[in-house]
Amino acid sequence: MLQQPSQQHIAHPASSLISYNRLIALTIEPGKLNPGRAENHASRLMRKLIDNDLLLLTSFRDELFHWVLLPDSDSVCRNLLPLLSAYLSQECAVQPELVGKVYLKCFEWVDSEHYAIAVRCNAMQ
């Protein structure tokens, strides 16, 4: 997680995680707790997983919603926001107060010039 991965380095662990929910949980936790490189790589893995199978992370959606509220990193937000958009559009059952917090955070990202345009565009979606 602490190395600089290429697309192939992200694809290989992602394909391994698909079969093991416990490994997915073990990837989310260090991502949430370790700002910086580990968090970025964990968020890229989550993005790769949902690109492969939209419903794969459904059981982790609340953790993903909590996670997106934590980072100050553009790349982590850019990776996680499409996941949340997908789950909101699928009308998955997510705690309403958690959804409200994410919406408020998205308005902050959209309104702030501090964040990259990709984060602001994903927040608008």
C-alpha atoms as a PDB file:
ATOM      1  CA  MET A   1       0.000   0.000   0.000  1.00  0.00           C
ATOM      2  CA  LEU A   2       2.874   2.374   0.618  1.00  0.00           C
ATOM      3  CA  GLN A   3       4.528   1.904  -2.788  1.00  0.00           C
ATOM      4  CA  GLN A   4       3.657   3.983  -5.837  1.00  0.00           C
ATOM      5  CA  PRO A   5       1.432   1.642  -7.843  1.00  0.00           C
ATOM      6  CA  SER A   6       0.799   1.673 -11.549  1.00  0.00           C
ATOM      7  CA  GLN A   7      -2.545   0.725 -13.090  1.00  0.00           C
ATOM      8  CA  GLN A   8      -1.347  -2.910 -13.243  1.00  0.00           C
ATOM      9  CA  HIS A   9      -0.336  -2.822  -9.575  1.00  0.00           C
ATOM     10  CA  ILE A  10      -3.832  -1.616  -8.669  1.00  0.00           C
ATOM     11  CA  ALA A  11      -5.594  -4.106 -10.976  1.00  0.00           C
ATOM     12  CA  HIS A  12      -3.875  -7.172  -9.497  1.00  0.00           C
ATOM     13  CA  PRO A  13      -4.802  -6.599  -5.820  1.00  0.00           C
ATOM     14  CA  ALA A  14      -8.261  -5.460  -6.913  1.00  0.00           C
ATOM     15  CA  SER A  15      -8.842  -8.782  -8.679  1.00  0.00           C
ATOM     16  CA  SER A  16      -7.728 -10.591  -5.510  1.00  0.00           C
ATOM     17  CA  LEU A  17     -10.029  -8.520  -3.286  1.00  0.00           C
ATOM     18  CA  ILE A  18     -13.112  -9.298  -5.349  1.00  0.00           C
ATOM     19  CA  SER A  19     -13.381 -12.775  -3.824  1.00  0.00           C
ATOM     20  CA  TYR A  20     -12.776 -11.847  -0.198  1.00  0.00           C
ATOM     21  CA  ASN A  21     -14.976  -9.388   1.688  1.00  0.00           C
ATOM     22  CA  ARG A  22     -12.651  -9.588   4.682  1.00  0.00           C
ATOM     23  CA  LEU A  23      -9.771  -8.293   2.532  1.00  0.00           C
ATOM     24  CA  ILE A  24     -11.944  -5.421   1.326  1.00  0.00           C
ATOM     25  CA  ALA A  25     -12.587  -4.432   4.953  1.00  0.00           C
ATOM     26  CA  LEU A  26      -8.860  -4.734   5.689  1.00  0.00           C
ATOM     27  CA  THR A  27      -8.150  -2.374   2.792  1.00  0.00           C
ATOM     28  CA  ILE A  28     -10.723   0.243   3.785  1.00  0.00           C
ATOM     29  CA  GLU A  29      -9.558   0.461   7.407  1.00  0.00           C
ATOM     30  CA  PRO A  30      -5.902   1.427   6.748  1.00  0.00           C
ATOM     31  CA  GLY A  31      -7.112   3.792   4.052  1.00  0.00           C
ATOM     32  CA  LYS A  32      -9.298   5.615   6.567  1.00  0.00           C
ATOM     33  CA  LEU A  33      -6.643   5.672   9.280  1.00  0.00           C
ATOM     34  CA  ASN A  34      -3.516   6.566   7.280  1.00  0.00           C
ATOM     35  CA  PRO A  35      -3.706   9.853   5.403  1.00  0.00           C
ATOM     36  CA  GLY A  36      -1.333  10.085   2.496  1.00  0.00           C
ATOM     37  CA  ARG A  37      -0.060   7.362   0.234  1.00  0.00           C
ATOM     38  CA  ALA A  38      -1.840   4.395   1.895  1.00  0.00           C
ATOM     39  CA  GLU A  39      -5.151   6.258   1.853  1.00  0.00           C
ATOM     40  CA  ASN A  40      -4.726   7.182  -1.800  1.00  0.00           C
ATOM     41  CA  HIS A  41      -3.868   3.625  -2.827  1.00  0.00           C
ATOM     42  CA  ALA A  42      -6.741   2.148  -0.825  1.00  0.00           C
ATOM     43  CA  SER A  43      -9.179   4.599  -2.438  1.00  0.00           C
ATOM     44  CA  ARG A  44      -7.825   3.690  -5.900  1.00  0.00           C
ATOM     45  CA  LEU A  45      -8.415   0.023  -5.105  1.00  0.00           C
ATOM     46  CA  MET A  46     -12.001   0.766  -4.087  1.00  0.00           C
ATOM     47  CA  ARG A  47     -12.524   2.688  -7.328  1.00  0.00           C
ATOM     48  CA  LYS A  48     -11.130  -0.222  -9.344  1.00  0.00           C
ATOM     49  CA  LEU A  49     -13.398  -2.673  -7.519  1.00  0.00           C
ATOM     50  CA  ILE A  50     -16.542  -0.692  -8.270  1.00  0.00           C
ATOM     51  CA  ASP A  51     -15.464  -0.226 -11.890  1.00  0.00           C
ATOM     52  CA  ASN A  52     -15.435  -4.038 -12.120  1.00  0.00           C
ATOM     53  CA  ASP A  53     -18.687  -4.659 -10.227  1.00  0.00           C
ATOM     54  CA  LEU A  54     -20.998  -1.873  -9.059  1.00  0.00           C
ATOM     55  CA  LEU A  55     -22.632  -3.944  -6.336  1.00  0.00           C
ATOM     56  CA  LEU A  56     -19.433  -5.422  -4.910  1.00  0.00           C
ATOM     57  CA  LEU A  57     -18.990  -2.768  -2.222  1.00  0.00           C
ATOM     58  CA  THR A  58     -22.662  -2.482  -1.266  1.00  0.00           C
ATOM     59  CA  SER A  59     -22.076  -4.045   2.146  1.00  0.00           C
ATOM     60  CA  PHE A  60     -19.334  -1.454   2.780  1.00  0.00           C
ATOM     61  CA  ARG A  61     -21.303   1.591   1.621  1.00  0.00           C
ATOM     62  CA  ASP A  62     -21.679   3.127   5.095  1.00  0.00           C
ATOM     63  CA  GLU A  63     -17.924   2.825   5.670  1.00  0.00           C
ATOM     64  CA  LEU A  64     -17.295   4.446   2.296  1.00  0.00           C
ATOM     65  CA  PHE A  65     -19.675   7.302   3.135  1.00  0.00           C
ATOM     66  CA  HIS A  66     -17.861   7.858   6.453  1.00  0.00           C
ATOM     67  CA  TRP A  67     -14.490   7.658   4.699  1.00  0.00           C
ATOM     68  CA  VAL A  68     -15.276  10.343   2.117  1.00  0.00           C
ATOM     69  CA  LEU A  69     -15.976  12.788   4.948  1.00  0.00           C
ATOM     70  CA  LEU A  70     -12.438  12.391   6.349  1.00  0.00           C
ATOM     71  CA  PRO A  71      -9.826  13.199   3.698  1.00  0.00           C
ATOM     72  CA  ASP A  72      -8.470  16.520   2.651  1.00  0.00           C
ATOM     73  CA  SER A  73      -6.813  14.870  -0.332  1.00  0.00           C
ATOM     74  CA  ASP A  74      -8.076  15.685  -3.816  1.00  0.00           C
ATOM     75  CA  SER A  75      -7.112  12.280  -5.176  1.00  0.00           C
ATOM     76  CA  VAL A  76      -8.904  10.358  -2.417  1.00  0.00           C
ATOM     77  CA  CYS A  77     -12.053  12.448  -2.879  1.00  0.00           C
ATOM     78  CA  ARG A  78     -11.807  12.017  -6.648  1.00  0.00           C
ATOM     79  CA  ASN A  79     -11.627   8.222  -6.198  1.00  0.00           C
ATOM     80  CA  LEU A  80     -14.380   7.895  -3.590  1.00  0.00           C
ATOM     81  CA  LEU A  81     -17.023  10.340  -4.837  1.00  0.00           C
ATOM     82  CA  PRO A  82     -17.979   8.286  -7.929  1.00  0.00           C
ATOM     83  CA  LEU A  83     -18.539   5.303  -5.625  1.00  0.00           C
ATOM     84  CA  LEU A  84     -20.969   7.304  -3.556  1.00  0.00           C
ATOM     85  CA  SER A  85     -22.706   8.673  -6.633  1.00  0.00           C
ATOM     86  CA  ALA A  86     -23.210   5.128  -7.852  1.00  0.00           C
ATOM     87  CA  TYR A  87     -24.699   4.024  -4.547  1.00  0.00           C
ATOM     88  CA  LEU A  88     -27.012   7.015  -4.300  1.00  0.00           C
ATOM     89  CA  SER A  89     -28.228   6.457  -7.844  1.00  0.00           C
ATOM     90  CA  GLN A  90     -28.848   2.776  -7.067  1.00  0.00           C
ATOM     91  CA  GLU A  91     -30.988   3.905  -4.118  1.00  0.00           C
ATOM     92  CA  CYS A  92     -29.129   1.641  -1.723  1.00  0.00           C
ATOM     93  CA  ALA A  93     -30.208   1.973   1.875  1.00  0.00           C
ATOM     94  CA  VAL A  94     -27.787   4.391   3.478  1.00  0.00           C
ATOM     95  CA  GLN A  95     -28.315   6.168   6.794  1.00  0.00           C
ATOM     96  CA  PRO A  96     -30.143   9.431   5.917  1.00  0.00           C
ATOM     97  CA  GLU A  97     -28.029  11.547   8.297  1.00  0.00           C
ATOM     98  CA  LEU A  98     -24.864  10.171   6.683  1.00  0.00           C
ATOM     99  CA  VAL A  99     -26.174  11.037   3.221  1.00  0.00           C
ATOM    100  CA  GLY A 100     -26.958  14.559   4.465  1.00  0.00           C
ATOM    101  CA  LYS A 101     -23.408  15.001   5.780  1.00  0.00           C
ATOM    102  CA  VAL A 102     -21.985  13.865   2.435  1.00  0.00           C
ATOM    103  CA  TYR A 103     -24.249  16.286   0.531  1.00  0.00           C
ATOM    104  CA  LEU A 104     -23.100  19.167   2.758  1.00  0.00           C
ATOM    105  CA  LYS A 105     -19.467  18.153   2.225  1.00  0.00           C
ATOM    106  CA  CYS A 106     -20.037  18.044  -1.539  1.00  0.00           C
ATOM    107  CA  PHE A 107     -21.406  21.596  -1.448  1.00  0.00           C
ATOM    108  CA  GLU A 108     -18.228  22.648   0.402  1.00  0.00           C
ATOM    109  CA  TRP A 109     -16.059  21.019  -2.285  1.00  0.00           C
ATOM    110  CA  VAL A 110     -18.056  22.586  -5.122  1.00  0.00           C
ATOM    111  CA  ASP A 111     -17.897  26.021  -3.523  1.00  0.00           C
ATOM    112  CA  SER A 112     -14.181  25.920  -2.710  1.00  0.00           C
ATOM    113  CA  GLU A 113     -11.415  26.778  -5.148  1.00  0.00           C
ATOM    114  CA  HIS A 114      -9.059  24.834  -2.868  1.00  0.00           C
ATOM    115  CA  TYR A 115     -10.107  21.541  -4.485  1.00  0.00           C
ATOM    116  CA  ALA A 116      -9.238  20.362  -7.981  1.00  0.00           C
ATOM    117  CA  ILE A 117     -11.814  20.655 -10.713  1.00  0.00           C
ATOM    118  CA  ALA A 118     -12.225  16.843 -10.833  1.00  0.00           C
ATOM    119  CA  VAL A 119     -13.295  16.790  -7.195  1.00  0.00           C
ATOM    120  CA  ARG A 120     -15.722  19.635  -7.732  1.00  0.00           C
ATOM    121  CA  CYS A 121     -17.215  17.942 -10.819  1.00  0.00           C
ATOM    122  CA  ASN A 122     -17.632  14.642  -8.962  1.00  0.00           C
ATOM    123  CA  ALA A 123     -19.183  16.505  -6.025  1.00  0.00           C
ATOM    124  CA  MET A 124     -21.704  18.133  -8.376  1.00  0.00           C
ATOM    125  CA  GLN A 125     -22.790  14.743  -9.676  1.00  0.00           C
END
